[in-house]
Amino acid sequence: MTIDFPEPTLISVNGVDLEVFEAGRENAGRPVVLCHGWPEHAFSWRYQVPALAAAGYHVIVPNQRGYGGSSRPAEVTDYDIEHLSGDLVALLDHYGYEDAVFVGHDWGAFVVWGLALLHPDRVNAVVALSVPYQERGEVPWIEFMEAVLGADFYFVHFNRQPGVADAVLAENTAQFLRNLYRKNVPLAEPQPGNAFINLARAQAPLGDPVMSDSELAVFVSAFASTGFTGGINWYRNLDRNWRLLADVDPIIRKPALMIYGDRDMVAKAERLSEFVPDVEVVSLDCGHWIQQEMPQETTEAMLKWLDQRDAA
């Protein structure tokens, strides 16, 4: 199947340049912004872009800071939730929109939830894939994970051993991404060492591939050029984000759709509706790479929910 993905435009916003792909500009007034995760790329939304544009949406898909042709600031703190959400707000300003539907997968979901907390007036609705709203709790996130999951857990490892994983992944870019983009890769199973470093060094991939060789080549080419540090720096701001959100109302007061993969290694949130009262939950029979593993079902779930909202 050939995917016709838009050509990018470089847009200067919030002190950085973002590489942005868009479709359906003729549908001005109905913006939907698609936010990728780690280690991903705007191309991860290749199946949803044409379908959403055909359904009447102006589809805006940035490579967020640290990724693809977008800026990669040197300072770690330039990747905190204020900067990442600020990029999306500035992107709305660029297009002249007051608000938009924001869709996020993986880390993109975390950013979209944060955007709804920090800039609720700029968010029309939220669609989150894989990563549910993260309850803040009383202990900083990395500190909590270290106590519960240990120093080898990749979130902790990225923070406590800066540069180590970055170098290993960069030295094994193609092998790492080929091994990672598999269905049901058991990242959550107990194993010594950083799970992503283990994947980068593994010779025998596990599970069926999520994408074709030509599709994977888009990701490999991008990360061969950029390295992985920009994206990993998002992890290195988790405790900073915990502090930045200390005085923010923790309730998401926007309508939301939460799409889980039943075989995803990311846990479902038991108390999601307490923090996101107006949420609908959909589960699909897939792993972590939801919109790529089950593209048609993902798109249909999104469009059905959006249509219901519009009709209400």
C-alpha atoms as a PDB file:
ATOM      1  CA  MET A   1       0.000   0.000   0.000  1.00  0.00           C
ATOM      2  CA  THR A   2       1.435   3.358  -1.022  1.00  0.00           C
ATOM      3  CA  ILE A   3       1.015   6.204   1.443  1.00  0.00           C
ATOM      4  CA  ASP A   4       0.880   9.719   0.032  1.00  0.00           C
ATOM      5  CA  PHE A   5       2.293  11.773   2.893  1.00  0.00           C
ATOM      6  CA  PRO A   6       2.390  15.589   2.610  1.00  0.00           C
ATOM      7  CA  GLU A   7       5.596  17.524   2.042  1.00  0.00           C
ATOM      8  CA  PRO A   8       6.775  19.428   5.132  1.00  0.00           C
ATOM      9  CA  THR A   9       6.954  23.137   5.808  1.00  0.00           C
ATOM     10  CA  LEU A  10       9.357  24.680   8.325  1.00  0.00           C
ATOM     11  CA  ILE A  11       7.474  27.025  10.669  1.00  0.00           C
ATOM     12  CA  SER A  12       9.139  29.294  13.242  1.00  0.00           C
ATOM     13  CA  VAL A  13       7.229  29.284  16.540  1.00  0.00           C
ATOM     14  CA  ASN A  14       8.076  29.715  20.225  1.00  0.00           C
ATOM     15  CA  GLY A  15      11.793  30.190  19.561  1.00  0.00           C
ATOM     16  CA  VAL A  16      12.206  27.009  17.484  1.00  0.00           C
ATOM     17  CA  ASP A  17      11.565  25.797  13.949  1.00  0.00           C
ATOM     18  CA  LEU A  18       9.023  23.009  13.616  1.00  0.00           C
ATOM     19  CA  GLU A  19       8.818  20.726  10.606  1.00  0.00           C
ATOM     20  CA  VAL A  20       5.077  20.549   9.955  1.00  0.00           C
ATOM     21  CA  PHE A  21       3.077  18.334   7.616  1.00  0.00           C
ATOM     22  CA  GLU A  22      -0.499  19.334   6.835  1.00  0.00           C
ATOM     23  CA  ALA A  23      -3.470  18.253   4.772  1.00  0.00           C
ATOM     24  CA  GLY A  24      -6.963  19.588   4.287  1.00  0.00           C
ATOM     25  CA  ARG A  25      -6.040  23.258   4.490  1.00  0.00           C
ATOM     26  CA  GLU A  26      -9.246  23.887   2.533  1.00  0.00           C
ATOM     27  CA  ASN A  27     -11.064  22.712   5.665  1.00  0.00           C
ATOM     28  CA  ALA A  28     -10.013  25.830   7.575  1.00  0.00           C
ATOM     29  CA  GLY A  29     -11.860  26.158  10.839  1.00  0.00           C
ATOM     30  CA  ARG A  30     -11.757  22.473  11.791  1.00  0.00           C
ATOM     31  CA  PRO A  31      -8.161  21.941  12.971  1.00  0.00           C
ATOM     32  CA  VAL A  32      -6.874  18.690  14.411  1.00  0.00           C
ATOM     33  CA  VAL A  33      -3.255  18.479  15.569  1.00  0.00           C
ATOM     34  CA  LEU A  34      -1.572  15.059  15.667  1.00  0.00           C
ATOM     35  CA  CYS A  35       1.313  14.674  18.137  1.00  0.00           C
ATOM     36  CA  HIS A  36       3.719  11.724  17.881  1.00  0.00           C
ATOM     37  CA  GLY A  37       5.518   9.887  20.650  1.00  0.00           C
ATOM     38  CA  TRP A  38       9.025   8.486  21.251  1.00  0.00           C
ATOM     39  CA  PRO A  39      10.954   7.450  19.287  1.00  0.00           C
ATOM     40  CA  GLU A  40       8.565   8.405  16.536  1.00  0.00           C
ATOM     41  CA  HIS A  41       7.980  10.896  13.766  1.00  0.00           C
ATOM     42  CA  ALA A  42       5.055  12.739  12.207  1.00  0.00           C
ATOM     43  CA  PHE A  43       5.022   9.898   9.654  1.00  0.00           C
ATOM     44  CA  SER A  44       3.521   7.644  12.343  1.00  0.00           C
ATOM     45  CA  TRP A  45       0.182   9.338  11.523  1.00  0.00           C
ATOM     46  CA  ARG A  46       0.429   8.526   7.808  1.00  0.00           C
ATOM     47  CA  TYR A  47      -2.792   6.478   7.802  1.00  0.00           C
ATOM     48  CA  GLN A  48      -4.860   9.020   9.737  1.00  0.00           C
ATOM     49  CA  VAL A  49      -3.857  12.178   7.841  1.00  0.00           C
ATOM     50  CA  PRO A  50      -5.703  11.527   4.546  1.00  0.00           C
ATOM     51  CA  ALA A  51      -8.750  10.074   6.311  1.00  0.00           C
ATOM     52  CA  LEU A  52      -9.122  13.044   8.640  1.00  0.00           C
ATOM     53  CA  ALA A  53      -8.647  15.509   5.774  1.00  0.00           C
ATOM     54  CA  ALA A  54     -11.280  13.647   3.720  1.00  0.00           C
ATOM     55  CA  ALA A  55     -13.631  13.893   6.707  1.00  0.00           C
ATOM     56  CA  GLY A  56     -13.359  17.682   6.655  1.00  0.00           C
ATOM     57  CA  TYR A  57     -10.526  18.444   9.063  1.00  0.00           C
ATOM     58  CA  HIS A  58      -7.496  20.669   8.652  1.00  0.00           C
ATOM     59  CA  VAL A  59      -4.833  18.200   9.736  1.00  0.00           C
ATOM     60  CA  ILE A  60      -1.640  19.616  11.258  1.00  0.00           C
ATOM     61  CA  VAL A  61       1.169  17.187  12.098  1.00  0.00           C
ATOM     62  CA  PRO A  62       4.376  18.600  13.589  1.00  0.00           C
ATOM     63  CA  ASN A  63       7.632  16.862  14.188  1.00  0.00           C
ATOM     64  CA  GLN A  64       7.928  18.197  17.698  1.00  0.00           C
ATOM     65  CA  ARG A  65      11.121  19.757  19.025  1.00  0.00           C
ATOM     66  CA  GLY A  66      13.955  17.253  19.035  1.00  0.00           C
ATOM     67  CA  TYR A  67      12.602  15.278  16.073  1.00  0.00           C
ATOM     68  CA  GLY A  68      13.027  15.131  12.314  1.00  0.00           C
ATOM     69  CA  GLY A  69      13.711  18.473  10.672  1.00  0.00           C
ATOM     70  CA  SER A  70      12.600  20.449  13.727  1.00  0.00           C
ATOM     71  CA  SER A  71      14.949  22.303  16.062  1.00  0.00           C
ATOM     72  CA  ARG A  72      16.918  20.372  18.663  1.00  0.00           C
ATOM     73  CA  PRO A  73      17.803  22.792  21.473  1.00  0.00           C
ATOM     74  CA  ALA A  74      20.898  21.911  23.484  1.00  0.00           C
ATOM     75  CA  GLU A  75      19.477  22.666  26.938  1.00  0.00           C
ATOM     76  CA  VAL A  76      17.688  19.749  28.586  1.00  0.00           C
ATOM     77  CA  THR A  77      15.162  22.075  30.245  1.00  0.00           C
ATOM     78  CA  ASP A  78      14.070  23.324  26.808  1.00  0.00           C
ATOM     79  CA  TYR A  79      12.085  20.070  26.551  1.00  0.00           C
ATOM     80  CA  ASP A  80       9.859  20.519  29.599  1.00  0.00           C
ATOM     81  CA  ILE A  81       6.071  20.562  29.405  1.00  0.00           C
ATOM     82  CA  GLU A  82       5.916  24.358  29.297  1.00  0.00           C
ATOM     83  CA  HIS A  83       8.090  24.438  26.163  1.00  0.00           C
ATOM     84  CA  LEU A  84       6.401  21.463  24.485  1.00  0.00           C
ATOM     85  CA  SER A  85       2.883  22.731  25.109  1.00  0.00           C
ATOM     86  CA  GLY A  86       4.009  26.255  24.245  1.00  0.00           C
ATOM     87  CA  ASP A  87       5.081  25.019  20.807  1.00  0.00           C
ATOM     88  CA  LEU A  88       1.554  23.736  20.160  1.00  0.00           C
ATOM     89  CA  VAL A  89      -0.054  26.966  21.343  1.00  0.00           C
ATOM     90  CA  ALA A  90       2.277  28.945  19.081  1.00  0.00           C
ATOM     91  CA  LEU A  91       1.406  26.631  16.212  1.00  0.00           C
ATOM     92  CA  LEU A  92      -2.275  27.464  16.707  1.00  0.00           C
ATOM     93  CA  ASP A  93      -1.390  31.155  16.695  1.00  0.00           C
ATOM     94  CA  HIS A  94       0.513  30.691  13.451  1.00  0.00           C
ATOM     95  CA  TYR A  95      -2.567  29.269  11.755  1.00  0.00           C
ATOM     96  CA  GLY A  96      -4.917  31.748  13.415  1.00  0.00           C
ATOM     97  CA  TYR A  97      -6.875  29.195  15.440  1.00  0.00           C
ATOM     98  CA  GLU A  98      -8.267  29.798  18.916  1.00  0.00           C
ATOM     99  CA  ASP A  99      -8.336  26.076  19.691  1.00  0.00           C
ATOM    100  CA  ALA A 100      -8.120  22.637  18.119  1.00  0.00           C
ATOM    101  CA  VAL A 101      -8.670  18.948  18.698  1.00  0.00           C
ATOM    102  CA  PHE A 102      -5.339  17.581  19.901  1.00  0.00           C
ATOM    103  CA  VAL A 103      -4.454  13.944  19.341  1.00  0.00           C
ATOM    104  CA  GLY A 104      -1.411  12.392  20.974  1.00  0.00           C
ATOM    105  CA  HIS A 105       0.197   8.964  21.046  1.00  0.00           C
ATOM    106  CA  ASP A 106       2.690   7.816  23.697  1.00  0.00           C
ATOM    107  CA  TRP A 107       4.706  10.881  24.771  1.00  0.00           C
ATOM    108  CA  GLY A 108       2.506  12.942  22.470  1.00  0.00           C
ATOM    109  CA  ALA A 109      -0.431  11.965  24.677  1.00  0.00           C
ATOM    110  CA  PHE A 110       1.452  13.149  27.775  1.00  0.00           C
ATOM    111  CA  VAL A 111       2.070  16.492  26.075  1.00  0.00           C
ATOM    112  CA  VAL A 112      -1.559  16.843  24.997  1.00  0.00           C
ATOM    113  CA  TRP A 113      -2.783  16.109  28.530  1.00  0.00           C
ATOM    114  CA  GLY A 114      -0.333  18.727  29.788  1.00  0.00           C
ATOM    115  CA  LEU A 115      -1.529  21.197  27.183  1.00  0.00           C
ATOM    116  CA  ALA A 116      -5.117  20.727  28.395  1.00  0.00           C
ATOM    117  CA  LEU A 117      -3.963  21.509  31.938  1.00  0.00           C
ATOM    118  CA  LEU A 118      -1.768  24.506  31.143  1.00  0.00           C
ATOM    119  CA  HIS A 119      -3.748  26.017  28.237  1.00  0.00           C
ATOM    120  CA  PRO A 120      -7.305  24.679  28.517  1.00  0.00           C
ATOM    121  CA  ASP A 121      -8.744  27.532  26.462  1.00  0.00           C
ATOM    122  CA  ARG A 122      -6.685  26.391  23.448  1.00  0.00           C
ATOM    123  CA  VAL A 123      -7.942  22.794  23.574  1.00  0.00           C
ATOM    124  CA  ASN A 124     -11.278  21.840  22.041  1.00  0.00           C
ATOM    125  CA  ALA A 125     -10.957  18.134  22.806  1.00  0.00           C
ATOM    126  CA  VAL A 126      -8.323  15.490  23.539  1.00  0.00           C
ATOM    127  CA  VAL A 127      -7.719  12.123  21.899  1.00  0.00           C
ATOM    128  CA  ALA A 128      -5.029  10.091  23.675  1.00  0.00           C
ATOM    129  CA  LEU A 129      -3.544   6.828  22.430  1.00  0.00           C
ATOM    130  CA  SER A 130      -1.772   4.402  24.770  1.00  0.00           C
ATOM    131  CA  VAL A 131      -0.751   6.822  27.547  1.00  0.00           C
ATOM    132  CA  PRO A 132      -3.600   7.850  29.858  1.00  0.00           C
ATOM    133  CA  TYR A 133      -3.662  10.940  32.018  1.00  0.00           C
ATOM    134  CA  GLN A 134      -0.869  10.626  34.592  1.00  0.00           C
ATOM    135  CA  GLU A 135      -1.953  11.325  38.142  1.00  0.00           C
ATOM    136  CA  ARG A 136       0.637  13.643  39.700  1.00  0.00           C
ATOM    137  CA  GLY A 137       0.913  11.993  43.107  1.00  0.00           C
ATOM    138  CA  GLU A 138       2.948  13.205  46.067  1.00  0.00           C
ATOM    139  CA  VAL A 139       6.370  11.981  44.901  1.00  0.00           C
ATOM    140  CA  PRO A 140       8.148  13.142  41.712  1.00  0.00           C
ATOM    141  CA  TRP A 141       7.622  10.631  38.905  1.00  0.00           C
ATOM    142  CA  ILE A 142      11.244   9.521  38.375  1.00  0.00           C
ATOM    143  CA  GLU A 143      11.858   9.283  42.107  1.00  0.00           C
ATOM    144  CA  PHE A 144       8.744   7.111  42.428  1.00  0.00           C
ATOM    145  CA  MET A 145       9.719   4.872  39.497  1.00  0.00           C
ATOM    146  CA  GLU A 146      13.234   4.423  40.870  1.00  0.00           C
ATOM    147  CA  ALA A 147      11.863   3.288  44.223  1.00  0.00           C
ATOM    148  CA  VAL A 148       9.335   0.891  42.699  1.00  0.00           C
ATOM    149  CA  LEU A 149      10.966  -0.294  39.463  1.00  0.00           C
ATOM    150  CA  GLY A 150      14.676   0.183  40.130  1.00  0.00           C
ATOM    151  CA  ALA A 151      17.596   2.000  38.536  1.00  0.00           C
ATOM    152  CA  ASP A 152      17.533  -0.069  35.341  1.00  0.00           C
ATOM    153  CA  PHE A 153      13.992   0.957  34.408  1.00  0.00           C
ATOM    154  CA  TYR A 154      14.460   2.999  31.249  1.00  0.00           C
ATOM    155  CA  PHE A 155      12.763   6.175  32.545  1.00  0.00           C
ATOM    156  CA  VAL A 156      15.152   6.154  35.501  1.00  0.00           C
ATOM    157  CA  HIS A 157      18.183   5.098  33.458  1.00  0.00           C
ATOM    158  CA  PHE A 158      17.657   7.966  30.989  1.00  0.00           C
ATOM    159  CA  ASN A 159      17.739  10.409  33.918  1.00  0.00           C
ATOM    160  CA  ARG A 160      20.412   8.919  36.135  1.00  0.00           C
ATOM    161  CA  GLN A 161      22.880   7.971  33.369  1.00  0.00           C
ATOM    162  CA  PRO A 162      22.644  10.836  30.866  1.00  0.00           C
ATOM    163  CA  GLY A 163      24.163  10.141  27.474  1.00  0.00           C
ATOM    164  CA  VAL A 164      24.599   6.385  27.898  1.00  0.00           C
ATOM    165  CA  ALA A 165      21.437   5.202  26.162  1.00  0.00           C
ATOM    166  CA  ASP A 166      21.685   8.062  23.654  1.00  0.00           C
ATOM    167  CA  ALA A 167      25.017   6.743  22.427  1.00  0.00           C
ATOM    168  CA  VAL A 168      23.995   3.075  22.264  1.00  0.00           C
ATOM    169  CA  LEU A 169      20.804   3.825  20.335  1.00  0.00           C
ATOM    170  CA  ALA A 170      22.644   6.122  17.932  1.00  0.00           C
ATOM    171  CA  GLU A 171      25.283   3.432  17.266  1.00  0.00           C
ATOM    172  CA  ASN A 172      22.562   0.883  16.504  1.00  0.00           C
ATOM    173  CA  THR A 173      19.841   3.076  14.989  1.00  0.00           C
ATOM    174  CA  ALA A 174      18.528   0.755  12.293  1.00  0.00           C
ATOM    175  CA  GLN A 175      18.718  -2.371  14.451  1.00  0.00           C
ATOM    176  CA  PHE A 176      17.068  -0.640  17.411  1.00  0.00           C
ATOM    177  CA  LEU A 177      14.129   0.704  15.406  1.00  0.00           C
ATOM    178  CA  ARG A 178      13.716  -2.563  13.508  1.00  0.00           C
ATOM    179  CA  ASN A 179      13.543  -4.447  16.799  1.00  0.00           C
ATOM    180  CA  LEU A 180      11.339  -1.865  18.500  1.00  0.00           C
ATOM    181  CA  TYR A 181       8.638  -1.525  15.866  1.00  0.00           C
ATOM    182  CA  ARG A 182       7.262  -4.981  16.437  1.00  0.00           C
ATOM    183  CA  LYS A 183       3.911  -6.189  17.676  1.00  0.00           C
ATOM    184  CA  ASN A 184       3.929  -7.198  21.335  1.00  0.00           C
ATOM    185  CA  VAL A 185       7.604  -6.542  22.077  1.00  0.00           C
ATOM    186  CA  PRO A 186       7.814  -7.500  25.798  1.00  0.00           C
ATOM    187  CA  LEU A 187       9.388  -4.288  27.098  1.00  0.00           C
ATOM    188  CA  ALA A 188       7.568  -4.603  30.394  1.00  0.00           C
ATOM    189  CA  GLU A 189       8.997  -8.024  31.274  1.00  0.00           C
ATOM    190  CA  PRO A 190      11.657  -8.014  34.016  1.00  0.00           C
ATOM    191  CA  GLN A 191      15.126  -8.002  32.550  1.00  0.00           C
ATOM    192  CA  PRO A 192      18.500  -6.620  33.603  1.00  0.00           C
ATOM    193  CA  GLY A 193      19.500  -3.299  32.072  1.00  0.00           C
ATOM    194  CA  ASN A 194      17.676  -0.589  30.159  1.00  0.00           C
ATOM    195  CA  ALA A 195      15.068  -2.347  27.997  1.00  0.00           C
ATOM    196  CA  PHE A 196      15.751  -0.064  25.015  1.00  0.00           C
ATOM    197  CA  ILE A 197      19.502  -0.647  25.173  1.00  0.00           C
ATOM    198  CA  ASN A 198      18.753  -4.371  25.221  1.00  0.00           C
ATOM    199  CA  LEU A 199      16.586  -3.964  22.128  1.00  0.00           C
ATOM    200  CA  ALA A 200      19.290  -1.996  20.337  1.00  0.00           C
ATOM    201  CA  ARG A 201      21.751  -4.826  20.912  1.00  0.00           C
ATOM    202  CA  ALA A 202      19.370  -7.726  20.282  1.00  0.00           C
ATOM    203  CA  GLN A 203      20.133  -9.688  17.133  1.00  0.00           C
ATOM    204  CA  ALA A 204      16.853 -11.610  16.819  1.00  0.00           C
ATOM    205  CA  PRO A 205      13.771  -9.373  16.637  1.00  0.00           C
ATOM    206  CA  LEU A 206      10.657 -10.484  18.504  1.00  0.00           C
ATOM    207  CA  GLY A 207       7.158 -10.300  17.090  1.00  0.00           C
ATOM    208  CA  ASP A 208       5.839  -9.324  13.674  1.00  0.00           C
ATOM    209  CA  PRO A 209       6.933  -5.996  12.149  1.00  0.00           C
ATOM    210  CA  VAL A 210       4.581  -3.053  12.520  1.00  0.00           C
ATOM    211  CA  MET A 211       5.576  -1.508   9.195  1.00  0.00           C
ATOM    212  CA  SER A 212       7.144  -2.273   5.845  1.00  0.00           C
ATOM    213  CA  ASP A 213      10.853  -1.827   5.174  1.00  0.00           C
ATOM    214  CA  SER A 214      10.178   1.345   3.171  1.00  0.00           C
ATOM    215  CA  GLU A 215       8.110   2.823   5.994  1.00  0.00           C
ATOM    216  CA  LEU A 216      10.719   1.896   8.589  1.00  0.00           C
ATOM    217  CA  ALA A 217      13.346   3.587   6.421  1.00  0.00           C
ATOM    218  CA  VAL A 218      11.647   6.951   7.060  1.00  0.00           C
ATOM    219  CA  PHE A 219      12.217   6.555  10.805  1.00  0.00           C
ATOM    220  CA  VAL A 220      15.742   5.184  10.421  1.00  0.00           C
ATOM    221  CA  SER A 221      16.770   8.036   8.146  1.00  0.00           C
ATOM    222  CA  ALA A 222      15.347  10.636  10.531  1.00  0.00           C
ATOM    223  CA  PHE A 223      17.055   9.278  13.655  1.00  0.00           C
ATOM    224  CA  ALA A 224      20.315   8.578  11.813  1.00  0.00           C
ATOM    225  CA  SER A 225      20.366  12.320  11.187  1.00  0.00           C
ATOM    226  CA  THR A 226      19.138  13.617  14.556  1.00  0.00           C
ATOM    227  CA  GLY A 227      20.183  11.006  17.069  1.00  0.00           C
ATOM    228  CA  PHE A 228      17.956  10.253  20.041  1.00  0.00           C
ATOM    229  CA  THR A 229      18.978  12.851  22.634  1.00  0.00           C
ATOM    230  CA  GLY A 230      16.275  15.407  21.802  1.00  0.00           C
ATOM    231  CA  GLY A 231      13.502  12.884  22.355  1.00  0.00           C
ATOM    232  CA  ILE A 232      15.126  11.341  25.438  1.00  0.00           C
ATOM    233  CA  ASN A 233      15.346  14.834  26.925  1.00  0.00           C
ATOM    234  CA  TRP A 234      11.550  14.733  27.218  1.00  0.00           C
ATOM    235  CA  TYR A 235      12.053  11.932  29.782  1.00  0.00           C
ATOM    236  CA  ARG A 236      14.711  13.986  31.553  1.00  0.00           C
ATOM    237  CA  ASN A 237      12.117  16.643  32.377  1.00  0.00           C
ATOM    238  CA  LEU A 238       9.585  14.401  34.083  1.00  0.00           C
ATOM    239  CA  ASP A 239      10.415  15.500  37.618  1.00  0.00           C
ATOM    240  CA  ARG A 240      10.692  19.107  36.432  1.00  0.00           C
ATOM    241  CA  ASN A 241       7.228  18.721  34.884  1.00  0.00           C
ATOM    242  CA  TRP A 242       5.950  17.309  38.178  1.00  0.00           C
ATOM    243  CA  ARG A 243       7.069  20.522  39.864  1.00  0.00           C
ATOM    244  CA  LEU A 244       5.765  22.795  37.103  1.00  0.00           C
ATOM    245  CA  LEU A 245       2.299  21.250  37.462  1.00  0.00           C
ATOM    246  CA  ALA A 246       2.209  21.609  41.248  1.00  0.00           C
ATOM    247  CA  ASP A 247      -0.273  24.488  41.336  1.00  0.00           C
ATOM    248  CA  VAL A 248      -2.301  23.575  38.253  1.00  0.00           C
ATOM    249  CA  ASP A 249      -5.894  22.350  38.494  1.00  0.00           C
ATOM    250  CA  PRO A 250      -5.404  18.584  37.917  1.00  0.00           C
ATOM    251  CA  ILE A 251      -8.819  17.978  36.362  1.00  0.00           C
ATOM    252  CA  ILE A 252      -9.119  17.811  32.555  1.00  0.00           C
ATOM    253  CA  ARG A 253     -12.361  19.649  31.831  1.00  0.00           C
ATOM    254  CA  LYS A 254     -12.445  18.919  28.107  1.00  0.00           C
ATOM    255  CA  PRO A 255     -14.088  15.993  26.329  1.00  0.00           C
ATOM    256  CA  ALA A 256     -11.608  13.195  25.773  1.00  0.00           C
ATOM    257  CA  LEU A 257     -11.272   9.894  23.956  1.00  0.00           C
ATOM    258  CA  MET A 258      -8.833   7.375  25.408  1.00  0.00           C
ATOM    259  CA  ILE A 259      -7.721   4.614  23.022  1.00  0.00           C
ATOM    260  CA  TYR A 260      -5.874   1.677  24.560  1.00  0.00           C
ATOM    261  CA  GLY A 261      -4.153  -1.289  22.979  1.00  0.00           C
ATOM    262  CA  ASP A 262      -5.154  -4.395  24.921  1.00  0.00           C
ATOM    263  CA  ARG A 263      -1.660  -5.862  24.468  1.00  0.00           C
ATOM    264  CA  ASP A 264       0.202  -2.617  25.120  1.00  0.00           C
ATOM    265  CA  MET A 265       2.917  -2.626  27.783  1.00  0.00           C
ATOM    266  CA  VAL A 266       1.583   0.698  29.088  1.00  0.00           C
ATOM    267  CA  ALA A 267      -0.877   0.154  31.934  1.00  0.00           C
ATOM    268  CA  LYS A 268      -4.439   1.401  31.772  1.00  0.00           C
ATOM    269  CA  ALA A 269      -5.401   4.087  34.278  1.00  0.00           C
ATOM    270  CA  GLU A 270      -7.693   2.795  37.014  1.00  0.00           C
ATOM    271  CA  ARG A 271      -8.843   6.267  38.053  1.00  0.00           C
ATOM    272  CA  LEU A 272      -8.984   7.960  34.652  1.00  0.00           C
ATOM    273  CA  SER A 273     -12.563   9.225  34.989  1.00  0.00           C
ATOM    274  CA  GLU A 274     -11.738  10.898  38.314  1.00  0.00           C
ATOM    275  CA  PHE A 275      -9.316  13.236  36.537  1.00  0.00           C
ATOM    276  CA  VAL A 276     -10.984  13.257  33.115  1.00  0.00           C
ATOM    277  CA  PRO A 277     -14.726  13.259  33.874  1.00  0.00           C
ATOM    278  CA  ASP A 278     -15.873  13.555  30.251  1.00  0.00           C
ATOM    279  CA  VAL A 279     -13.918  10.620  28.851  1.00  0.00           C
ATOM    280  CA  GLU A 280     -14.880   7.765  26.567  1.00  0.00           C
ATOM    281  CA  VAL A 281     -12.625   4.700  26.491  1.00  0.00           C
ATOM    282  CA  VAL A 282     -12.012   2.435  23.492  1.00  0.00           C
ATOM    283  CA  SER A 283      -9.785  -0.649  23.516  1.00  0.00           C
ATOM    284  CA  LEU A 284      -8.316  -2.232  20.386  1.00  0.00           C
ATOM    285  CA  ASP A 285      -6.724  -5.649  20.013  1.00  0.00           C
ATOM    286  CA  CYS A 286      -3.170  -4.465  19.458  1.00  0.00           C
ATOM    287  CA  GLY A 287       0.055  -3.484  21.148  1.00  0.00           C
ATOM    288  CA  HIS A 288       1.678  -0.114  21.728  1.00  0.00           C
ATOM    289  CA  TRP A 289       1.899   1.262  18.181  1.00  0.00           C
ATOM    290  CA  ILE A 290      -1.873   1.632  17.992  1.00  0.00           C
ATOM    291  CA  GLN A 291      -2.390   3.921  14.998  1.00  0.00           C
ATOM    292  CA  GLN A 292       0.138   1.952  12.966  1.00  0.00           C
ATOM    293  CA  GLU A 293      -0.877  -1.558  14.046  1.00  0.00           C
ATOM    294  CA  MET A 294      -4.607  -1.016  13.557  1.00  0.00           C
ATOM    295  CA  PRO A 295      -4.817   2.123  11.400  1.00  0.00           C
ATOM    296  CA  GLN A 296      -8.329   1.679  10.053  1.00  0.00           C
ATOM    297  CA  GLU A 297      -9.830   0.826  13.432  1.00  0.00           C
ATOM    298  CA  THR A 298      -7.997   3.722  15.090  1.00  0.00           C
ATOM    299  CA  THR A 299      -9.184   6.203  12.491  1.00  0.00           C
ATOM    300  CA  GLU A 300     -12.753   4.907  12.672  1.00  0.00           C
ATOM    301  CA  ALA A 301     -12.793   5.210  16.469  1.00  0.00           C
ATOM    302  CA  MET A 302     -11.533   8.789  16.270  1.00  0.00           C
ATOM    303  CA  LEU A 303     -13.966   9.861  13.554  1.00  0.00           C
ATOM    304  CA  LYS A 304     -16.944   8.192  15.224  1.00  0.00           C
ATOM    305  CA  TRP A 305     -16.215   9.986  18.480  1.00  0.00           C
ATOM    306  CA  LEU A 306     -15.605  13.330  16.760  1.00  0.00           C
ATOM    307  CA  ASP A 307     -18.836  12.981  14.767  1.00  0.00           C
ATOM    308  CA  GLN A 308     -20.790  12.223  17.938  1.00  0.00           C
ATOM    309  CA  ARG A 309     -19.359  15.320  19.591  1.00  0.00           C
ATOM    310  CA  ASP A 310     -20.247  17.492  16.617  1.00  0.00           C
ATOM    311  CA  ALA A 311     -23.794  16.114  16.594  1.00  0.00           C
ATOM    312  CA  ALA A 312     -24.341  16.676  20.324  1.00  0.00           C
END
